[in-house]
C-alpha atoms as a PDB file:
ATOM      1  CA  MET A   1     127.678 107.769  90.081  1.00  0.00           C
ATOM      2  CA  ASN A   2     125.668 108.274  93.287  1.00  0.00           C
ATOM      3  CA  GLU A   3     122.693 110.434  92.281  1.00  0.00           C
ATOM      4  CA  LYS A   4     120.518 111.909  95.001  1.00  0.00           C
ATOM      5  CA  PRO A   5     116.769 111.692  94.351  1.00  0.00           C
ATOM      6  CA  VAL A   6     115.080 114.916  93.300  1.00  0.00           C
ATOM      7  CA  HIS A   7     111.498 115.510  94.387  1.00  0.00           C
ATOM      8  CA  VAL A   8     109.298 117.967  92.493  1.00  0.00           C
ATOM      9  CA  MET A   9     106.184 118.984  94.393  1.00  0.00           C
ATOM     10  CA  GLU A  10     103.270 121.272  93.812  1.00  0.00           C
ATOM     11  CA  VAL A  11     102.745 124.139  96.234  1.00  0.00           C
ATOM     12  CA  GLY A  12      99.244 123.967  97.671  1.00  0.00           C
ATOM     13  CA  GLU A  13      96.942 126.474  99.253  1.00  0.00           C
ATOM     14  CA  GLY A  14      98.622 128.660 101.855  1.00  0.00           C
ATOM     15  CA  GLY A  15     102.094 127.624 100.603  1.00  0.00           C
ATOM     16  CA  ARG A  16     101.765 124.039 101.826  1.00  0.00           C
ATOM     17  CA  ILE A  17     103.888 121.240 100.468  1.00  0.00           C
ATOM     18  CA  HIS A  18     103.725 117.519 101.200  1.00  0.00           C
ATOM     19  CA  LEU A  19     107.076 115.991 102.155  1.00  0.00           C
ATOM     20  CA  PRO A  20     107.692 112.570 100.613  1.00  0.00           C
ATOM     21  CA  LYS A  21     108.280 109.656 103.005  1.00  0.00           C
ATOM     22  CA  GLU A  22     111.908 109.358 101.847  1.00  0.00           C
ATOM     23  CA  VAL A  23     112.584 112.982 102.804  1.00  0.00           C
ATOM     24  CA  MET A  24     110.903 112.597 106.200  1.00  0.00           C
ATOM     25  CA  LYS A  25     112.879 109.429 106.861  1.00  0.00           C
ATOM     26  CA  ALA A  26     116.156 111.100 105.830  1.00  0.00           C
ATOM     27  CA  LEU A  27     115.446 114.017 108.170  1.00  0.00           C
ATOM     28  CA  GLY A  28     114.222 111.740 110.951  1.00  0.00           C
ATOM     29  CA  VAL A  29     110.945 113.603 111.347  1.00  0.00           C
ATOM     30  CA  GLY A  30     107.340 112.574 111.693  1.00  0.00           C
ATOM     31  CA  PRO A  31     103.995 114.201 112.335  1.00  0.00           C
ATOM     32  CA  GLY A  32     104.297 116.741 115.135  1.00  0.00           C
ATOM     33  CA  ASN A  33     108.049 117.297 114.719  1.00  0.00           C
ATOM     34  CA  GLN A  34     109.374 120.670 113.660  1.00  0.00           C
ATOM     35  CA  ILE A  35     111.606 121.365 110.681  1.00  0.00           C
ATOM     36  CA  LYS A  36     113.810 124.368 110.042  1.00  0.00           C
ATOM     37  CA  LEU A  37     113.763 126.179 106.681  1.00  0.00           C
ATOM     38  CA  GLU A  38     116.732 128.298 105.635  1.00  0.00           C
ATOM     39  CA  VAL A  39     116.533 130.448 102.521  1.00  0.00           C
ATOM     40  CA  ARG A  40     119.824 130.970 100.663  1.00  0.00           C
ATOM     41  CA  GLY A  41     119.189 132.993  97.556  1.00  0.00           C
ATOM     42  CA  ASP A  42     116.867 130.911  95.393  1.00  0.00           C
ATOM     43  CA  LEU A  43     117.587 127.700  97.376  1.00  0.00           C
ATOM     44  CA  VAL A  44     115.775 126.469 100.464  1.00  0.00           C
ATOM     45  CA  SER A  45     117.389 124.121 102.952  1.00  0.00           C
ATOM     46  CA  LEU A  46     115.315 121.790 105.168  1.00  0.00           C
ATOM     47  CA  SER A  47     116.640 120.323 108.401  1.00  0.00           C
ATOM     48  CA  ARG A  48     115.172 118.849 111.557  1.00  0.00           C
ATOM     49  CA  HIS A  49     114.677 121.479 114.247  1.00  0.00           C
ATOM     50  CA  GLN A  50     116.308 120.327 117.470  1.00  0.00           C
ATOM     51  CA  VAL A  51     113.928 120.964 120.334  1.00  0.00           C
ATOM     52  CA  LYS A  52     115.558 122.910 123.131  1.00  0.00           C
ATOM     53  CA  ASP A  53     113.407 121.272 125.798  1.00  0.00           C
ATOM     54  CA  PRO A  54     114.358 117.570 125.880  1.00  0.00           C
ATOM     55  CA  PHE A  55     111.028 116.711 127.510  1.00  0.00           C
ATOM     56  CA  ALA A  56     108.813 118.475 124.944  1.00  0.00           C
ATOM     57  CA  GLU A  57     108.667 115.542 122.521  1.00  0.00           C
ATOM     58  CA  ALA A  58     108.292 113.027 125.349  1.00  0.00           C
ATOM     59  CA  ALA A  59     105.327 114.982 126.687  1.00  0.00           C
ATOM     60  CA  LYS A  60     103.540 114.534 123.349  1.00  0.00           C
ATOM     61  CA  LYS A  61     103.810 110.736 123.490  1.00  0.00           C
ATOM     62  CA  LYS A  62     100.743 108.811 124.561  1.00  0.00           C
ATOM     63  CA  THR A  63     101.040 107.364 128.040  1.00  0.00           C
ATOM     64  CA  PRO A  64      99.231 104.099 128.699  1.00  0.00           C
ATOM     65  CA  GLY A  65      95.953 104.334 130.557  1.00  0.00           C
ATOM     66  CA  LEU A  66      94.934 102.338 133.609  1.00  0.00           C
ATOM     67  CA  LYS A  67      93.367  99.588 131.489  1.00  0.00           C
ATOM     68  CA  GLU A  68      96.557  99.110 129.425  1.00  0.00           C
ATOM     69  CA  LEU A  69      98.718  99.108 132.559  1.00  0.00           C
ATOM     70  CA  MET A  70      96.486  96.514 134.206  1.00  0.00           C
ATOM     71  CA  GLU A  71      96.626  94.325 131.073  1.00  0.00           C
ATOM     72  CA  GLN A  72     100.426  94.591 130.997  1.00  0.00           C
ATOM     73  CA  GLN A  73     100.618  93.702 134.682  1.00  0.00           C
ATOM     74  CA  GLU A  74      98.318  90.696 134.229  1.00  0.00           C
ATOM     75  CA  ALA A  75     100.346  89.447 131.244  1.00  0.00           C
ATOM     76  CA  ARG A  76     103.575  89.782 133.235  1.00  0.00           C
ATOM     77  CA  LYS A  77     101.988  88.003 136.200  1.00  0.00           C
ATOM     78  CA  GLN A  78     100.979  85.065 133.979  1.00  0.00           C
ATOM     79  CA  GLU A  79     104.448  84.941 132.419  1.00  0.00           C
ATOM     80  CA  VAL A  80     106.118  84.863 135.850  1.00  0.00           C
ATOM     81  CA  SER A  81     103.681  82.206 137.049  1.00  0.00           C
ATOM     82  CA  ARG A  82     104.524  79.974 134.077  1.00  0.00           C
ATOM     83  CA  GLU A  83     108.243  80.477 134.686  1.00  0.00           C
ATOM     84  CA  PHE A  84     107.802  79.611 138.390  1.00  0.00           C
ATOM     85  CA  GLU A  85     105.872  76.425 137.579  1.00  0.00           C
ATOM     86  CA  LYS A  86     108.541  75.422 135.071  1.00  0.00           C
ATOM     87  CA  ARG A  87     111.368  75.979 137.551  1.00  0.00           C
ATOM     88  CA  ILE A  88     109.611  74.212 140.422  1.00  0.00           C
ATOM     89  CA  GLN A  89     109.399  71.082 138.256  1.00  0.00           C
ATOM     90  CA  GLU A  90     113.155  71.057 137.642  1.00  0.00           C
ATOM     91  CA  LYS A  91     115.264  68.699 139.710  1.00  0.00           C
ATOM     92  CA  HIS A  92     117.426  70.626 142.135  1.00  0.00           C
ATOM     93  CA  GLU A  93     120.691  69.413 143.546  1.00  0.00           C
ATOM     94  CA  VAL A  94     120.912  69.418 147.342  1.00  0.00           C
ATOM     95  CA  ARG A  95     124.394  70.419 148.395  1.00  0.00           C
ATOM     96  CA  PRO A  96     125.881  69.407 151.748  1.00  0.00           C
ATOM     97  CA  GLU A  97     125.824  73.017 152.952  1.00  0.00           C
ATOM     98  CA  ASP A  98     122.099  73.151 152.204  1.00  0.00           C
ATOM     99  CA  ARG A  99     121.449  70.589 154.940  1.00  0.00           C
ATOM    100  CA  GLU A 100     120.710  71.892 158.426  1.00  0.00           C
ATOM    101  CA  ASP A 101     123.161  69.569 160.234  1.00  0.00           C
ATOM    102  CA  PHE A 102     126.085  70.694 158.056  1.00  0.00           C
ATOM    103  CA  TRP A 103     126.513  73.918 160.063  1.00  0.00           C
ATOM    104  CA  ARG A 104     126.521  72.335 163.520  1.00  0.00           C
END
């Protein structure tokens, strides 16, 4: 028998409740997201509220500052430099068409 977990919570000041992590994960919500409450008689249904503006949630995300961008760029530069040094050490095959006199 597949029993769904039941969560009993205390209602705090101002009607606040704390959603358990399992419930938040099941709904796919986190801090800052909106949820929709529907009252059906003596039952309440919770669901994730789909934001109409697709850019609203993206606008809330932290964008990297100049320092972080510079650090990322420097790390990438070092990675590319290492890859270049590695490849320059490899032995390369010289094909006949790579020679200048081949095309004359």
